[in-house]
Protein backbone atom coordinates (compact mmCIF):
# COMPACT_ATOMS: atom_id res chain seq x y z
CA MET A 1 71.74 21.91 2.98
CA HIS A 2 70.65 21.87 6.62
CA PHE A 3 68.35 19.37 8.18
CA HIS A 4 66.44 20.35 11.28
CA LEU A 5 65.97 17.40 13.50
CA PRO A 6 63.05 17.46 16.05
CA LYS A 7 64.13 18.64 19.43
CA PRO A 8 63.84 15.98 22.17
CA LEU A 9 61.20 16.56 24.79
CA HIS A 10 62.47 17.76 28.18
CA GLY A 11 60.46 16.42 31.08
CA TRP A 12 56.99 15.06 31.67
CA ARG A 13 55.28 18.38 31.36
CA GLU A 14 56.23 18.86 27.76
CA PHE A 15 55.44 15.16 27.01
CA ILE A 16 51.95 15.41 28.51
CA GLY A 17 51.37 18.67 26.62
CA GLU A 18 52.25 17.06 23.35
CA VAL A 19 50.05 14.07 24.08
CA GLY A 20 47.24 16.34 25.24
CA ILE A 21 47.42 18.29 21.84
CA ILE A 22 47.22 15.00 20.00
CA VAL A 23 44.25 13.68 22.01
CA ILE A 24 42.38 17.01 21.61
CA GLY A 25 43.06 16.86 17.85
CA VAL A 26 41.66 13.40 17.66
CA LEU A 27 38.57 14.27 19.70
CA ILE A 28 37.88 17.28 17.55
CA ALA A 29 38.29 15.09 14.40
CA LEU A 30 35.92 12.46 15.78
CA SER A 31 33.41 15.06 16.86
CA ALA A 32 33.48 16.62 13.49
CA GLU A 33 33.00 13.26 11.80
CA GLN A 34 30.04 12.37 14.09
CA THR A 35 28.50 15.83 13.43
CA VAL A 36 28.83 15.23 9.60
CA GLU A 37 27.29 11.86 9.95
CA TRP A 38 24.41 13.16 12.12
CA LEU A 39 23.66 15.94 9.62
CA HIS A 40 23.75 13.40 6.84
CA TRP A 41 21.31 11.03 8.45
CA ARG A 42 19.09 13.94 9.54
CA SER A 43 18.74 14.87 5.91
CA VAL A 44 18.18 11.31 4.83
CA VAL A 45 15.38 10.84 7.42
CA GLU A 46 13.59 14.05 6.38
CA ASP A 47 13.80 12.93 2.66
CA THR A 48 12.67 9.47 3.68
CA ARG A 49 9.67 10.66 5.69
CA GLN A 50 8.58 12.89 2.80
CA ALA A 51 8.80 9.88 0.43
CA LEU A 52 6.96 7.64 2.88
CA ASP A 53 4.22 10.24 3.52
CA GLY A 54 3.62 10.49 -0.25
CA GLU A 55 3.42 6.75 -0.58
CA LEU A 56 1.01 6.60 2.38
CA ALA A 57 -1.16 9.35 1.08
CA VAL A 58 -1.88 7.25 -2.07
CA ASP A 59 -2.35 4.05 -0.10
CA LEU A 60 -4.75 5.76 2.38
CA GLY A 61 -6.74 7.00 -0.65
CA ILE A 62 -6.94 3.48 -2.08
CA ILE A 63 -8.07 2.09 1.30
CA GLN A 64 -10.64 4.84 1.56
CA ALA A 65 -11.88 3.94 -1.89
CA ARG A 66 -12.41 0.29 -0.78
CA VAL A 67 -14.33 1.46 2.29
CA GLU A 68 -16.62 3.67 0.15
CA GLN A 69 -17.43 0.62 -2.12
CA ALA A 70 -18.41 -1.55 0.94
CA PRO A 71 -22.22 -0.79 0.73
CA CYS A 72 -22.37 -1.65 -2.94
CA ILE A 73 -20.34 -4.85 -2.39
CA SER A 74 -22.64 -5.91 0.48
CA ARG A 75 -25.81 -5.25 -1.63
CA ARG A 76 -24.52 -7.08 -4.66
CA LEU A 77 -23.52 -10.19 -2.54
CA ALA A 78 -27.08 -10.14 -1.04
CA GLU A 79 -28.54 -10.04 -4.52
CA LEU A 80 -26.32 -12.98 -5.50
CA THR A 81 -27.63 -14.98 -2.63
CA THR A 82 -31.15 -14.43 -4.00
CA VAL A 83 -29.91 -15.36 -7.52
CA PHE A 84 -28.47 -18.68 -6.22
CA ARG A 85 -31.56 -19.45 -4.24
CA ARG A 86 -33.82 -19.00 -7.18
CA GLN A 87 -31.50 -20.98 -9.37
CA ALA A 88 -31.56 -23.88 -6.90
CA ASP A 89 -35.35 -23.66 -6.95
CA ARG A 90 -35.37 -23.79 -10.68
CA GLN A 91 -36.80 -20.33 -10.93
CA PRO A 92 -33.91 -18.42 -12.40
CA LEU A 93 -33.91 -14.65 -12.34
CA ALA A 94 -33.40 -12.55 -15.40
CA LEU A 95 -30.65 -10.14 -14.39
CA LYS A 96 -31.32 -6.50 -15.21
CA GLY A 97 -27.70 -5.41 -15.83
CA PRO A 98 -24.03 -6.38 -15.57
CA LEU A 99 -22.67 -7.64 -12.28
CA GLY A 100 -20.14 -4.78 -11.98
CA GLN A 101 -16.82 -5.07 -10.27
CA PRO A 102 -15.38 -3.53 -7.09
CA GLN A 103 -12.03 -1.77 -7.83
CA PHE A 104 -9.01 -2.87 -5.88
CA PRO A 105 -5.97 -0.76 -7.01
CA GLN A 106 -2.62 -2.23 -5.89
CA LEU A 107 -1.28 -0.75 -2.72
CA ASP A 108 2.32 0.42 -3.09
CA THR A 109 5.04 -0.30 -0.48
CA ASN A 110 8.22 0.20 -2.57
CA VAL A 111 9.39 3.19 -0.51
CA TRP A 112 8.95 1.29 2.74
CA ASP A 113 10.71 -1.81 1.37
CA SER A 114 13.68 0.41 0.21
CA VAL A 115 13.82 2.16 3.59
CA ILE A 116 13.94 -1.07 5.50
CA ALA A 117 16.72 -2.31 3.21
CA ASP A 118 18.91 0.75 3.56
CA GLY A 119 18.47 1.05 7.34
CA ALA A 120 17.07 4.56 7.35
CA THR A 121 14.36 3.69 9.84
CA ALA A 122 17.01 2.99 12.48
CA HIS A 123 17.75 6.72 12.50
CA MET A 124 14.12 7.83 13.05
CA PRO A 125 12.79 8.55 16.53
CA LEU A 126 11.27 5.41 18.06
CA ASP A 127 7.74 6.60 18.22
CA VAL A 128 7.82 7.69 14.58
CA ARG A 129 9.34 4.40 13.51
CA LEU A 130 6.64 2.44 15.38
CA ARG A 131 3.85 4.48 13.76
CA TYR A 132 5.13 3.71 10.26
CA SER A 133 5.68 0.07 11.12
CA ARG A 134 2.13 -0.37 12.46
CA PHE A 135 0.59 1.27 9.44
CA TYR A 136 2.55 -0.76 6.89
CA SER A 137 1.72 -3.95 8.78
CA ALA A 138 -2.02 -2.95 8.23
CA ILE A 139 -1.23 -2.26 4.61
CA PHE A 140 0.28 -5.65 3.99
CA TRP A 141 -2.80 -7.36 5.65
CA PHE A 142 -5.24 -5.19 3.68
CA ARG A 143 -3.37 -5.88 0.43
CA ASP A 144 -3.42 -9.62 0.91
CA LYS A 145 -7.27 -9.57 1.65
CA THR A 146 -8.05 -7.32 -1.31
CA ASP A 147 -5.92 -9.38 -3.67
CA GLU A 148 -8.05 -12.41 -2.66
CA GLU A 149 -11.23 -10.31 -3.03
CA SER A 150 -10.14 -9.31 -6.47
CA GLU A 151 -9.60 -12.97 -7.52
CA ALA A 152 -13.04 -13.96 -6.18
CA TRP A 153 -14.77 -11.16 -8.04
CA SER A 154 -12.91 -11.85 -11.22
CA HIS A 155 -14.57 -15.39 -11.13
CA LEU A 156 -17.94 -13.93 -10.24
CA SER A 157 -17.75 -11.81 -13.45
CA GLN A 158 -18.98 -14.89 -15.26
CA PHE A 159 -22.43 -13.88 -14.17
CA ASP A 160 -22.38 -11.39 -17.09
CA ASP A 161 -22.66 -14.59 -19.30
CA HIS A 162 -25.09 -16.37 -16.97
CA ASP A 163 -27.25 -17.74 -19.89
CA VAL A 164 -24.42 -20.18 -20.88
CA LEU A 165 -23.46 -21.37 -17.40
CA THR A 166 -23.56 -25.09 -16.68
CA GLN A 167 -24.55 -26.67 -13.39
CA GLU A 168 -20.92 -27.11 -12.59
CA ASP A 169 -20.33 -23.39 -13.27
CA TRP A 170 -23.07 -22.52 -10.86
CA SER A 171 -21.60 -24.68 -8.19
CA ALA A 172 -18.19 -23.15 -8.56
CA LEU A 173 -19.67 -19.55 -8.58
CA HIS A 174 -21.49 -20.38 -5.36
CA GLN A 175 -18.18 -21.16 -3.73
CA TRP A 176 -16.56 -18.01 -5.06
CA LYS A 177 -19.44 -15.95 -3.84
CA ALA A 178 -19.10 -17.47 -0.36
CA ARG A 179 -15.38 -16.64 -0.55
CA ALA A 180 -16.05 -12.99 -1.52
CA GLN A 181 -18.57 -12.69 1.27
CA SER A 182 -16.14 -14.02 3.87
CA LEU A 183 -13.39 -11.66 2.76
CA ALA A 184 -15.71 -8.65 2.64
CA ALA A 185 -16.81 -9.35 6.17
CA LYS A 186 -13.14 -9.48 7.38
CA VAL A 187 -12.20 -6.28 5.54
CA ASP A 188 -15.32 -4.33 6.68
CA ALA A 189 -14.77 -5.55 10.30
CA ASN A 190 -11.19 -4.21 10.37
CA VAL A 191 -11.22 -1.18 8.15
CA SER A 192 -13.53 1.82 8.20
CA LEU A 193 -13.45 5.49 7.44
CA ALA A 194 -12.69 6.05 11.14
CA THR A 195 -9.60 3.87 11.00
CA VAL A 196 -8.45 5.69 7.86
CA ARG A 197 -8.84 9.05 9.59
CA GLN A 198 -7.03 7.73 12.68
CA PHE A 199 -4.03 6.62 10.63
CA ALA A 200 -4.05 9.85 8.68
CA LEU A 201 -3.98 11.96 11.81
CA SER A 202 -1.38 9.85 13.60
CA LEU A 203 0.98 10.27 10.59
CA GLY A 204 -0.05 13.77 9.64
CA VAL A 205 -0.89 12.56 6.14
CA GLU A 206 -3.99 13.48 4.01
CA PRO A 207 -5.53 10.64 1.91
CA ARG A 208 -5.01 11.30 -1.81
CA GLN A 209 -7.95 10.36 -4.03
CA PHE A 210 -7.05 7.53 -6.36
CA PRO A 211 -7.57 8.45 -10.08
CA PHE A 212 -9.60 5.58 -11.39
CA LYS A 213 -9.67 5.18 -15.15
CA SER A 214 -12.91 5.51 -17.00
CA ASP A 215 -13.45 1.70 -17.52
CA SER A 216 -12.79 1.15 -13.79
CA LEU A 217 -15.27 3.85 -12.82
CA ALA A 218 -17.86 2.26 -15.10
CA ALA A 219 -17.44 -1.24 -13.46
CA ARG A 220 -17.56 0.34 -10.00
CA ASP A 221 -20.72 2.34 -10.84
CA ALA A 222 -22.32 -0.79 -12.30
CA LEU A 223 -21.76 -2.58 -9.03
CA CYS A 224 -24.03 -0.10 -7.28
CA HIS A 225 -27.02 -0.57 -9.61
CA PRO A 226 -29.46 -3.46 -8.79
CA ILE A 227 -29.54 -6.48 -10.99
CA THR A 228 -32.47 -8.36 -9.54
């Protein structure tokens, strides 16, 4: 059996040649690795943006639905002002129908939360990342305000049993009505159909109409019918 030992290098030229081959090999390997990583993150970012756009399309539809309910919310709160005034003057009004309820579907941010956690946004172009960030900041603000609105209106639903309300009930409802009015003013001042369209255009997303259930539609429709 014969063993072939590596031949010793002769001179600096051969040594440099060998080192050069190694360096070139390492550079090629690193370049290939970076290319694979770049292709991976490019695919991840594309999938991420599709998921974000789908989530935002639903959220924009929900925000648009709240904007469309604004006139009915405003009229109902104005009617409740009259109801409270007449009650204070001991001239209670007979209400002509149920109070109705604005509908506040829950805004979803699960995709964004996941994207932030796994670091996918760091691989997006800066302008794209900033647009998504601004919009989701607005969503978090809007969700907080509509959650508070929903709580206020859930208390105001006691008006549907107004014949059994005590003086203490009326006092508490007056406070909830003031709360609902303050929140509505804040939401209406900051959100409009124009702002929805602006966000939709900046992100290239079309708002998706939210599919309200029949009971939610009935409560929303009742809100738009006069009760005084």
